[in-house]
Amino acid sequence: MTITKQTVIGDILDDYAEKTAPLFLELGMHCLGCPASRGETVEEACAVHGANADEFVSKLNAAIAK
């Protein structure tokens, strides 16, 4: 899987929760289990939390590559 800004957070967590959940928590997304957050795209979450989506996507892809 390659994560993009349009990737749905729930899909990322389904496959890579252990590697990516800490990054979402650092972003300030503390409600990873709620239906709304799991249905958001990475870009939508970054917009809500004031983060740079391109930088966050790079971090996520680096985490799952390990």
C-alpha atoms as a PDB file:
ATOM      1  CA  MET A   1       0.000   0.000   0.000  1.00  0.00           C
ATOM      2  CA  THR A   2       1.165   3.494  -0.787  1.00  0.00           C
ATOM      3  CA  ILE A   3      -0.545   6.135   1.314  1.00  0.00           C
ATOM      4  CA  THR A   4      -1.692   9.314  -0.402  1.00  0.00           C
ATOM      5  CA  LYS A   5      -3.592  12.347   0.810  1.00  0.00           C
ATOM      6  CA  GLN A   6      -6.782  10.675  -0.432  1.00  0.00           C
ATOM      7  CA  THR A   7      -6.248   7.445   1.515  1.00  0.00           C
ATOM      8  CA  VAL A   8      -8.957   6.838   4.106  1.00  0.00           C
ATOM      9  CA  ILE A   9      -7.603   6.704   7.657  1.00  0.00           C
ATOM     10  CA  GLY A  10      -9.627   3.602   8.492  1.00  0.00           C
ATOM     11  CA  ASP A  11      -7.920   1.717   5.659  1.00  0.00           C
ATOM     12  CA  ILE A  12      -4.500   2.712   6.969  1.00  0.00           C
ATOM     13  CA  LEU A  13      -5.368   1.667  10.506  1.00  0.00           C
ATOM     14  CA  ASP A  14      -6.836  -1.644   9.352  1.00  0.00           C
ATOM     15  CA  ASP A  15      -3.507  -2.651   7.805  1.00  0.00           C
ATOM     16  CA  TYR A  16      -0.906  -0.683   9.773  1.00  0.00           C
ATOM     17  CA  ALA A  17      -2.389   0.415  13.114  1.00  0.00           C
ATOM     18  CA  GLU A  18       0.684  -0.471  15.145  1.00  0.00           C
ATOM     19  CA  LYS A  19       3.009   1.526  12.893  1.00  0.00           C
ATOM     20  CA  THR A  20       0.760   4.506  12.148  1.00  0.00           C
ATOM     21  CA  ALA A  21      -1.511   5.077  15.159  1.00  0.00           C
ATOM     22  CA  PRO A  22       1.259   6.857  17.099  1.00  0.00           C
ATOM     23  CA  LEU A  23       1.672   9.299  14.199  1.00  0.00           C
ATOM     24  CA  PHE A  24      -2.045  10.085  14.165  1.00  0.00           C
ATOM     25  CA  LEU A  25      -1.966  10.594  17.929  1.00  0.00           C
ATOM     26  CA  GLU A  26       0.983  13.015  17.551  1.00  0.00           C
ATOM     27  CA  LEU A  27      -1.136  14.908  15.021  1.00  0.00           C
ATOM     28  CA  GLY A  28      -3.751  15.379  17.745  1.00  0.00           C
ATOM     29  CA  MET A  29      -6.163  12.796  16.405  1.00  0.00           C
ATOM     30  CA  HIS A  30      -7.035  11.072  19.652  1.00  0.00           C
ATOM     31  CA  CYS A  31     -10.328   9.523  18.567  1.00  0.00           C
ATOM     32  CA  LEU A  32      -9.017   6.963  16.090  1.00  0.00           C
ATOM     33  CA  GLY A  33     -11.790   4.491  16.818  1.00  0.00           C
ATOM     34  CA  CYS A  34     -14.724   6.793  16.207  1.00  0.00           C
ATOM     35  CA  PRO A  35     -16.538   6.300  12.886  1.00  0.00           C
ATOM     36  CA  ALA A  36     -16.035   9.868  11.691  1.00  0.00           C
ATOM     37  CA  SER A  37     -12.259   9.861  12.046  1.00  0.00           C
ATOM     38  CA  ARG A  38     -11.895   6.426  10.442  1.00  0.00           C
ATOM     39  CA  GLY A  39     -13.814   7.652   7.386  1.00  0.00           C
ATOM     40  CA  GLU A  40     -11.732  10.787   6.837  1.00  0.00           C
ATOM     41  CA  THR A  41      -8.964  11.019   4.302  1.00  0.00           C
ATOM     42  CA  VAL A  42      -5.468  11.912   5.416  1.00  0.00           C
ATOM     43  CA  GLU A  43      -5.883  15.295   3.736  1.00  0.00           C
ATOM     44  CA  GLU A  44      -9.119  16.026   5.627  1.00  0.00           C
ATOM     45  CA  ALA A  45      -7.552  15.086   8.959  1.00  0.00           C
ATOM     46  CA  CYS A  46      -4.529  17.270   8.292  1.00  0.00           C
ATOM     47  CA  ALA A  47      -6.763  20.216   7.402  1.00  0.00           C
ATOM     48  CA  VAL A  48      -8.724  19.840  10.644  1.00  0.00           C
ATOM     49  CA  HIS A  49      -5.570  19.515  12.732  1.00  0.00           C
ATOM     50  CA  GLY A  50      -3.507  22.188  10.972  1.00  0.00           C
ATOM     51  CA  ALA A  51      -0.853  19.817   9.659  1.00  0.00           C
ATOM     52  CA  ASN A  52       0.923  19.717   6.321  1.00  0.00           C
ATOM     53  CA  ALA A  53      -0.654  16.796   4.434  1.00  0.00           C
ATOM     54  CA  ASP A  54       2.356  16.170   2.182  1.00  0.00           C
ATOM     55  CA  GLU A  55       4.726  15.952   5.137  1.00  0.00           C
ATOM     56  CA  PHE A  56       2.347  13.708   7.061  1.00  0.00           C
ATOM     57  CA  VAL A  57       1.920  11.362   4.091  1.00  0.00           C
ATOM     58  CA  SER A  58       5.706  11.077   3.895  1.00  0.00           C
ATOM     59  CA  LYS A  59       5.869  10.160   7.598  1.00  0.00           C
ATOM     60  CA  LEU A  60       3.131   7.562   7.212  1.00  0.00           C
ATOM     61  CA  ASN A  61       4.776   5.942   4.185  1.00  0.00           C
ATOM     62  CA  ALA A  62       8.135   5.867   5.967  1.00  0.00           C
ATOM     63  CA  ALA A  63       6.507   4.204   8.979  1.00  0.00           C
ATOM     64  CA  ILE A  64       4.890   1.426   6.976  1.00  0.00           C
ATOM     65  CA  ALA A  65       8.072   0.822   4.977  1.00  0.00           C
ATOM     66  CA  LYS A  66       9.949  -0.188   8.138  1.00  0.00           C
END
